[in-house]
Amino acid sequence: MGLKGIRAVLYDFDGTLADSTELIMRCYRHTMREHLGDVPPDDVWLAGFGMTLESQIARFARSDVEAVEMLDTYRAYQRIHHDDLLRPFPGAAETVAELERRGVPMAIVTSKHRHATLQGMHLCGIVEHFDVIVTPEDVTHAKPHPEPVLKALEMLGVAPHEALFIGDSPHDMVAGRAAGTRVAAALWGPFPRARLEAEHPDAWLREQRDVLDLVGG
């Protein structure tokens, strides 16, 4: 059953369209081991999924200088392993292609920087379907602040109540809700349903194509 009045779809990228959890966790473990000599539990890093990398690193760095060094280490490791470890979720490319065929306006709203986002989108075979991509470089406040979502809506020319924001993270739910969109939780990401239930999404997506049933056209 559709959500009444939805005519545009906004997507998070990591964990929603791209299966990047293994890549992210390996980068995290490598960085912590190199700089802290030990790796905190995975759940500590996972809790920050959906935030910018800078915000995540700042939680662990013991100084501003170390934060910069940790970012450099993380990104260097990511560059080496990115294409081997990141892949599209099954059905992602086919679903966004069908949304485009239906004339549904779409945007990417991500906490990942633009270069890495475009690299991942090319790898997933979806870059040609998105004219609007909002990254932390485009806004003052990243998710979970609503500014990136509002920026994407403005660029699409769509009112908040006409849009559905799809994400795998509680931070996505918070950002979309604060911007006035409907929100859908992607259950194929790293967060368990119980964690996402606290944000009361308007819809649950068990597979990529489920979004097609929520959008008019």
C-alpha atoms as a PDB file:
ATOM      1  CA  MET A   1       0.000   0.000   0.000  1.00  0.00           C
ATOM      2  CA  GLY A   2       1.344   3.423  -0.926  1.00  0.00           C
ATOM      3  CA  LEU A   3       1.888   6.451   1.229  1.00  0.00           C
ATOM      4  CA  LYS A   4      -0.573   9.088   0.092  1.00  0.00           C
ATOM      5  CA  GLY A   5       0.902  12.032  -1.800  1.00  0.00           C
ATOM      6  CA  ILE A   6       4.498  10.795  -2.129  1.00  0.00           C
ATOM      7  CA  ARG A   7       6.030  11.938  -5.412  1.00  0.00           C
ATOM      8  CA  ALA A   8       9.771  12.128  -4.637  1.00  0.00           C
ATOM      9  CA  VAL A   9      12.287   9.786  -3.007  1.00  0.00           C
ATOM     10  CA  LEU A  10      15.397  10.791  -1.089  1.00  0.00           C
ATOM     11  CA  TYR A  11      17.951   8.083  -0.339  1.00  0.00           C
ATOM     12  CA  ASP A  12      20.752   7.749   2.155  1.00  0.00           C
ATOM     13  CA  PHE A  13      23.713   6.010   0.498  1.00  0.00           C
ATOM     14  CA  ASP A  14      25.842   3.840   2.816  1.00  0.00           C
ATOM     15  CA  GLY A  15      23.803   1.006   4.280  1.00  0.00           C
ATOM     16  CA  THR A  16      20.802   1.930   2.142  1.00  0.00           C
ATOM     17  CA  LEU A  17      21.849   1.677  -1.509  1.00  0.00           C
ATOM     18  CA  ALA A  18      25.427   0.492  -0.977  1.00  0.00           C
ATOM     19  CA  ASP A  19      26.501  -2.414   1.197  1.00  0.00           C
ATOM     20  CA  SER A  20      29.523  -0.752   2.760  1.00  0.00           C
ATOM     21  CA  THR A  21      29.401  -2.057   6.332  1.00  0.00           C
ATOM     22  CA  GLU A  22      32.393  -4.388   5.945  1.00  0.00           C
ATOM     23  CA  LEU A  23      34.455  -1.620   4.317  1.00  0.00           C
ATOM     24  CA  ILE A  24      33.568   0.884   7.037  1.00  0.00           C
ATOM     25  CA  MET A  25      34.263  -1.524   9.881  1.00  0.00           C
ATOM     26  CA  ARG A  26      37.634  -2.578   8.459  1.00  0.00           C
ATOM     27  CA  CYS A  27      38.637   1.081   8.063  1.00  0.00           C
ATOM     28  CA  TYR A  28      37.551   1.743  11.641  1.00  0.00           C
ATOM     29  CA  ARG A  29      39.447  -1.205  13.109  1.00  0.00           C
ATOM     30  CA  HIS A  30      42.604  -0.387  11.166  1.00  0.00           C
ATOM     31  CA  THR A  31      42.504   3.269  12.227  1.00  0.00           C
ATOM     32  CA  MET A  32      41.931   2.519  15.912  1.00  0.00           C
ATOM     33  CA  ARG A  33      44.657  -0.112  15.963  1.00  0.00           C
ATOM     34  CA  GLU A  34      47.153   2.225  14.295  1.00  0.00           C
ATOM     35  CA  HIS A  35      46.487   5.207  16.574  1.00  0.00           C
ATOM     36  CA  LEU A  36      45.084   3.855  19.840  1.00  0.00           C
ATOM     37  CA  GLY A  37      46.819   0.482  19.910  1.00  0.00           C
ATOM     38  CA  ASP A  38      43.471  -1.160  20.599  1.00  0.00           C
ATOM     39  CA  VAL A  39      40.069  -1.412  18.922  1.00  0.00           C
ATOM     40  CA  PRO A  40      36.946  -0.495  20.911  1.00  0.00           C
ATOM     41  CA  PRO A  41      33.944  -2.805  20.380  1.00  0.00           C
ATOM     42  CA  ASP A  42      32.324  -2.613  16.950  1.00  0.00           C
ATOM     43  CA  ASP A  43      29.040  -1.498  18.502  1.00  0.00           C
ATOM     44  CA  VAL A  44      30.655   1.745  19.617  1.00  0.00           C
ATOM     45  CA  TRP A  45      31.432   2.709  16.023  1.00  0.00           C
ATOM     46  CA  LEU A  46      28.200   1.267  14.675  1.00  0.00           C
ATOM     47  CA  ALA A  47      26.198   3.567  16.938  1.00  0.00           C
ATOM     48  CA  GLY A  48      27.511   6.517  14.933  1.00  0.00           C
ATOM     49  CA  PHE A  49      26.598   5.155  11.487  1.00  0.00           C
ATOM     50  CA  GLY A  50      24.892   7.946   9.561  1.00  0.00           C
ATOM     51  CA  MET A  51      27.102  10.677  11.041  1.00  0.00           C
ATOM     52  CA  THR A  52      30.012  12.276   9.207  1.00  0.00           C
ATOM     53  CA  LEU A  53      33.383  10.573   9.444  1.00  0.00           C
ATOM     54  CA  GLU A  54      34.789  13.681  11.126  1.00  0.00           C
ATOM     55  CA  SER A  55      32.157  13.440  13.866  1.00  0.00           C
ATOM     56  CA  GLN A  56      32.844   9.757  14.349  1.00  0.00           C
ATOM     57  CA  ILE A  57      36.621  10.166  14.574  1.00  0.00           C
ATOM     58  CA  ALA A  58      36.270  13.077  17.007  1.00  0.00           C
ATOM     59  CA  ARG A  59      34.717  10.684  19.521  1.00  0.00           C
ATOM     60  CA  PHE A  60      38.008   8.771  19.752  1.00  0.00           C
ATOM     61  CA  ALA A  61      40.800  11.242  18.987  1.00  0.00           C
ATOM     62  CA  ARG A  62      42.670  12.609  21.971  1.00  0.00           C
ATOM     63  CA  SER A  63      43.589  15.890  20.277  1.00  0.00           C
ATOM     64  CA  ASP A  64      42.755  17.891  17.168  1.00  0.00           C
ATOM     65  CA  VAL A  65      46.075  16.872  15.633  1.00  0.00           C
ATOM     66  CA  GLU A  66      45.368  13.201  16.248  1.00  0.00           C
ATOM     67  CA  ALA A  67      41.900  13.607  14.724  1.00  0.00           C
ATOM     68  CA  VAL A  68      43.452  14.821  11.472  1.00  0.00           C
ATOM     69  CA  GLU A  69      45.970  11.988  11.501  1.00  0.00           C
ATOM     70  CA  MET A  70      43.226   9.422  12.140  1.00  0.00           C
ATOM     71  CA  LEU A  71      41.155  10.796   9.274  1.00  0.00           C
ATOM     72  CA  ASP A  72      44.147  10.503   6.965  1.00  0.00           C
ATOM     73  CA  THR A  73      44.745   6.902   8.050  1.00  0.00           C
ATOM     74  CA  TYR A  74      41.091   5.966   7.610  1.00  0.00           C
ATOM     75  CA  ARG A  75      40.841   7.505   4.138  1.00  0.00           C
ATOM     76  CA  ALA A  76      44.119   6.011   2.937  1.00  0.00           C
ATOM     77  CA  TYR A  77      42.944   2.532   3.934  1.00  0.00           C
ATOM     78  CA  GLN A  78      39.551   3.173   2.381  1.00  0.00           C
ATOM     79  CA  ARG A  79      41.078   4.194  -0.946  1.00  0.00           C
ATOM     80  CA  ILE A  80      42.983   0.911  -1.137  1.00  0.00           C
ATOM     81  CA  HIS A  81      40.066  -1.370  -0.261  1.00  0.00           C
ATOM     82  CA  HIS A  82      37.015   0.594  -1.443  1.00  0.00           C
ATOM     83  CA  ASP A  83      36.309  -1.140  -4.744  1.00  0.00           C
ATOM     84  CA  ASP A  84      36.900  -4.630  -3.351  1.00  0.00           C
ATOM     85  CA  LEU A  85      34.575  -4.279  -0.372  1.00  0.00           C
ATOM     86  CA  LEU A  86      31.736  -1.938  -1.413  1.00  0.00           C
ATOM     87  CA  ARG A  87      28.891  -3.342  -3.498  1.00  0.00           C
ATOM     88  CA  PRO A  88      25.265  -2.485  -4.265  1.00  0.00           C
ATOM     89  CA  PHE A  89      22.500  -4.153  -2.324  1.00  0.00           C
ATOM     90  CA  PRO A  90      20.541  -6.600  -4.496  1.00  0.00           C
ATOM     91  CA  GLY A  91      17.843  -4.774  -6.411  1.00  0.00           C
ATOM     92  CA  ALA A  92      19.136  -1.268  -5.717  1.00  0.00           C
ATOM     93  CA  ALA A  93      20.086  -0.339  -9.288  1.00  0.00           C
ATOM     94  CA  GLU A  94      16.936  -1.886 -10.726  1.00  0.00           C
ATOM     95  CA  THR A  95      14.693  -0.062  -8.246  1.00  0.00           C
ATOM     96  CA  VAL A  96      16.119   3.409  -8.799  1.00  0.00           C
ATOM     97  CA  ALA A  97      16.014   2.817 -12.563  1.00  0.00           C
ATOM     98  CA  GLU A  98      12.313   2.001 -12.284  1.00  0.00           C
ATOM     99  CA  LEU A  99      11.650   5.087 -10.158  1.00  0.00           C
ATOM    100  CA  GLU A 100      13.349   7.200 -12.802  1.00  0.00           C
ATOM    101  CA  ARG A 101      11.298   5.502 -15.528  1.00  0.00           C
ATOM    102  CA  ARG A 102       8.164   6.483 -13.608  1.00  0.00           C
ATOM    103  CA  GLY A 103       9.333  10.088 -13.474  1.00  0.00           C
ATOM    104  CA  VAL A 104       9.861  10.138  -9.711  1.00  0.00           C
ATOM    105  CA  PRO A 105      12.327  12.881  -8.633  1.00  0.00           C
ATOM    106  CA  MET A 106      15.189  11.412  -6.592  1.00  0.00           C
ATOM    107  CA  ALA A 107      18.135  12.613  -4.525  1.00  0.00           C
ATOM    108  CA  ILE A 108      20.990  11.198  -2.482  1.00  0.00           C
ATOM    109  CA  VAL A 109      21.389  12.700   0.999  1.00  0.00           C
ATOM    110  CA  THR A 110      24.525  11.319   2.608  1.00  0.00           C
ATOM    111  CA  SER A 111      27.077  11.997   5.337  1.00  0.00           C
ATOM    112  CA  LYS A 112      29.810  10.725   3.003  1.00  0.00           C
ATOM    113  CA  HIS A 113      31.948  13.255   1.151  1.00  0.00           C
ATOM    114  CA  ARG A 114      31.215  13.873  -2.520  1.00  0.00           C
ATOM    115  CA  HIS A 115      34.259  12.196  -4.072  1.00  0.00           C
ATOM    116  CA  ALA A 116      33.734   8.948  -2.163  1.00  0.00           C
ATOM    117  CA  THR A 117      29.974   9.093  -2.753  1.00  0.00           C
ATOM    118  CA  LEU A 118      30.388   9.417  -6.518  1.00  0.00           C
ATOM    119  CA  GLN A 119      32.998   6.644  -6.537  1.00  0.00           C
ATOM    120  CA  GLY A 120      30.569   4.372  -4.713  1.00  0.00           C
ATOM    121  CA  MET A 121      27.631   5.343  -6.922  1.00  0.00           C
ATOM    122  CA  HIS A 122      29.628   4.529 -10.049  1.00  0.00           C
ATOM    123  CA  LEU A 123      30.568   1.168  -8.560  1.00  0.00           C
ATOM    124  CA  CYS A 124      26.907   0.452  -7.774  1.00  0.00           C
ATOM    125  CA  GLY A 125      25.762   1.475 -11.257  1.00  0.00           C
ATOM    126  CA  ILE A 126      23.359   4.180 -10.094  1.00  0.00           C
ATOM    127  CA  VAL A 127      25.113   7.506 -10.642  1.00  0.00           C
ATOM    128  CA  GLU A 128      23.228   8.288 -13.859  1.00  0.00           C
ATOM    129  CA  HIS A 129      19.884   8.171 -12.034  1.00  0.00           C
ATOM    130  CA  PHE A 130      20.596  11.037  -9.630  1.00  0.00           C
ATOM    131  CA  ASP A 131      20.937  14.691 -10.569  1.00  0.00           C
ATOM    132  CA  VAL A 132      20.735  15.829  -6.931  1.00  0.00           C
ATOM    133  CA  ILE A 133      23.391  14.659  -4.470  1.00  0.00           C
ATOM    134  CA  VAL A 134      23.748  16.434  -1.114  1.00  0.00           C
ATOM    135  CA  THR A 135      26.913  15.757   0.880  1.00  0.00           C
ATOM    136  CA  PRO A 136      28.465  17.433   3.943  1.00  0.00           C
ATOM    137  CA  GLU A 137      30.338  19.833   1.635  1.00  0.00           C
ATOM    138  CA  ASP A 138      26.985  21.326   0.585  1.00  0.00           C
ATOM    139  CA  VAL A 139      25.631  22.239   4.011  1.00  0.00           C
ATOM    140  CA  THR A 140      26.603  23.751   7.340  1.00  0.00           C
ATOM    141  CA  HIS A 141      25.074  20.962   9.422  1.00  0.00           C
ATOM    142  CA  ALA A 142      25.153  17.281   8.435  1.00  0.00           C
ATOM    143  CA  LYS A 143      22.628  14.622   9.400  1.00  0.00           C
ATOM    144  CA  PRO A 144      20.942  14.125  11.829  1.00  0.00           C
ATOM    145  CA  HIS A 145      20.289  17.849  11.354  1.00  0.00           C
ATOM    146  CA  PRO A 146      17.508  18.366   8.777  1.00  0.00           C
ATOM    147  CA  GLU A 147      19.518  20.828   6.654  1.00  0.00           C
ATOM    148  CA  PRO A 148      20.792  18.254   4.110  1.00  0.00           C
ATOM    149  CA  VAL A 149      17.280  16.906   3.573  1.00  0.00           C
ATOM    150  CA  LEU A 150      15.854  20.400   3.186  1.00  0.00           C
ATOM    151  CA  LYS A 151      18.636  21.251   0.729  1.00  0.00           C
ATOM    152  CA  ALA A 152      17.760  18.242  -1.418  1.00  0.00           C
ATOM    153  CA  LEU A 153      14.054  19.107  -1.346  1.00  0.00           C
ATOM    154  CA  GLU A 154      14.831  22.650  -2.452  1.00  0.00           C
ATOM    155  CA  MET A 155      16.977  21.397  -5.321  1.00  0.00           C
ATOM    156  CA  LEU A 156      14.246  18.982  -6.427  1.00  0.00           C
ATOM    157  CA  GLY A 157      11.516  21.594  -6.077  1.00  0.00           C
ATOM    158  CA  VAL A 158       9.477  19.284  -3.855  1.00  0.00           C
ATOM    159  CA  ALA A 159       7.618  20.082  -0.635  1.00  0.00           C
ATOM    160  CA  PRO A 160       8.591  18.030   2.444  1.00  0.00           C
ATOM    161  CA  HIS A 161       5.201  16.347   2.750  1.00  0.00           C
ATOM    162  CA  GLU A 162       5.554  15.091  -0.840  1.00  0.00           C
ATOM    163  CA  ALA A 163       8.833  13.282  -0.165  1.00  0.00           C
ATOM    164  CA  LEU A 164       9.904   9.969   1.330  1.00  0.00           C
ATOM    165  CA  PHE A 165      13.365   9.730   2.891  1.00  0.00           C
ATOM    166  CA  ILE A 166      14.787   6.209   2.975  1.00  0.00           C
ATOM    167  CA  GLY A 167      17.622   5.297   5.321  1.00  0.00           C
ATOM    168  CA  ASP A 168      19.058   2.505   7.408  1.00  0.00           C
ATOM    169  CA  SER A 169      20.117   4.593  10.406  1.00  0.00           C
ATOM    170  CA  PRO A 170      18.261   6.279  13.267  1.00  0.00           C
ATOM    171  CA  HIS A 171      20.087   9.468  12.217  1.00  0.00           C
ATOM    172  CA  ASP A 172      18.335   9.252   8.838  1.00  0.00           C
ATOM    173  CA  MET A 173      14.953   8.892  10.516  1.00  0.00           C
ATOM    174  CA  VAL A 174      15.611  11.906  12.735  1.00  0.00           C
ATOM    175  CA  ALA A 175      16.812  14.077   9.841  1.00  0.00           C
ATOM    176  CA  GLY A 176      13.881  13.214   7.587  1.00  0.00           C
ATOM    177  CA  ARG A 177      11.297  13.657  10.305  1.00  0.00           C
ATOM    178  CA  ALA A 178      12.752  17.025  11.340  1.00  0.00           C
ATOM    179  CA  ALA A 179      12.647  18.175   7.711  1.00  0.00           C
ATOM    180  CA  GLY A 180       8.977  17.234   7.431  1.00  0.00           C
ATOM    181  CA  THR A 181       9.248  14.235   5.101  1.00  0.00           C
ATOM    182  CA  ARG A 182       7.826  10.791   5.574  1.00  0.00           C
ATOM    183  CA  VAL A 183      10.544   8.286   6.496  1.00  0.00           C
ATOM    184  CA  ALA A 184      11.082   4.632   5.599  1.00  0.00           C
ATOM    185  CA  ALA A 185      13.478   2.304   7.418  1.00  0.00           C
ATOM    186  CA  ALA A 186      15.642  -0.033   5.344  1.00  0.00           C
ATOM    187  CA  LEU A 187      15.871  -3.333   7.193  1.00  0.00           C
ATOM    188  CA  TRP A 188      18.814  -4.660   5.160  1.00  0.00           C
ATOM    189  CA  GLY A 189      21.279  -2.258   6.798  1.00  0.00           C
ATOM    190  CA  PRO A 190      23.362  -2.880   9.925  1.00  0.00           C
ATOM    191  CA  PHE A 191      20.793  -1.615  12.453  1.00  0.00           C
ATOM    192  CA  PRO A 192      18.339  -4.068  14.008  1.00  0.00           C
ATOM    193  CA  ARG A 193      14.632  -3.331  13.694  1.00  0.00           C
ATOM    194  CA  ALA A 194      14.368  -2.795  17.451  1.00  0.00           C
ATOM    195  CA  ARG A 195      16.795   0.136  17.242  1.00  0.00           C
ATOM    196  CA  LEU A 196      14.894   1.754  14.364  1.00  0.00           C
ATOM    197  CA  GLU A 197      11.481   1.277  15.963  1.00  0.00           C
ATOM    198  CA  ALA A 198      12.310   4.020  18.451  1.00  0.00           C
ATOM    199  CA  GLU A 199      12.131   6.544  15.567  1.00  0.00           C
ATOM    200  CA  HIS A 200       8.651   5.385  14.448  1.00  0.00           C
ATOM    201  CA  PRO A 201       9.212   5.209  10.682  1.00  0.00           C
ATOM    202  CA  ASP A 202       6.190   5.563   8.429  1.00  0.00           C
ATOM    203  CA  ALA A 203       7.123   2.423   6.496  1.00  0.00           C
ATOM    204  CA  TRP A 204       9.396  -0.603   6.723  1.00  0.00           C
ATOM    205  CA  LEU A 205      11.324  -1.826   3.697  1.00  0.00           C
ATOM    206  CA  ARG A 206      12.407  -5.465   3.650  1.00  0.00           C
ATOM    207  CA  GLU A 207      13.856  -5.328   0.143  1.00  0.00           C
ATOM    208  CA  GLN A 208      14.748  -2.561  -2.281  1.00  0.00           C
ATOM    209  CA  ARG A 209      11.724  -2.916  -4.542  1.00  0.00           C
ATOM    210  CA  ASP A 210       9.314  -2.368  -1.632  1.00  0.00           C
ATOM    211  CA  VAL A 211       9.696   1.377  -2.216  1.00  0.00           C
ATOM    212  CA  LEU A 212       7.893   0.982  -5.538  1.00  0.00           C
ATOM    213  CA  ASP A 213       4.708   0.135  -3.654  1.00  0.00           C
ATOM    214  CA  LEU A 214       4.944   3.328  -1.602  1.00  0.00           C
ATOM    215  CA  VAL A 215       5.321   5.832  -4.406  1.00  0.00           C
ATOM    216  CA  GLY A 216       2.693   6.933  -6.878  1.00  0.00           C
ATOM    217  CA  GLY A 217       3.127   6.468 -10.603  1.00  0.00           C
END
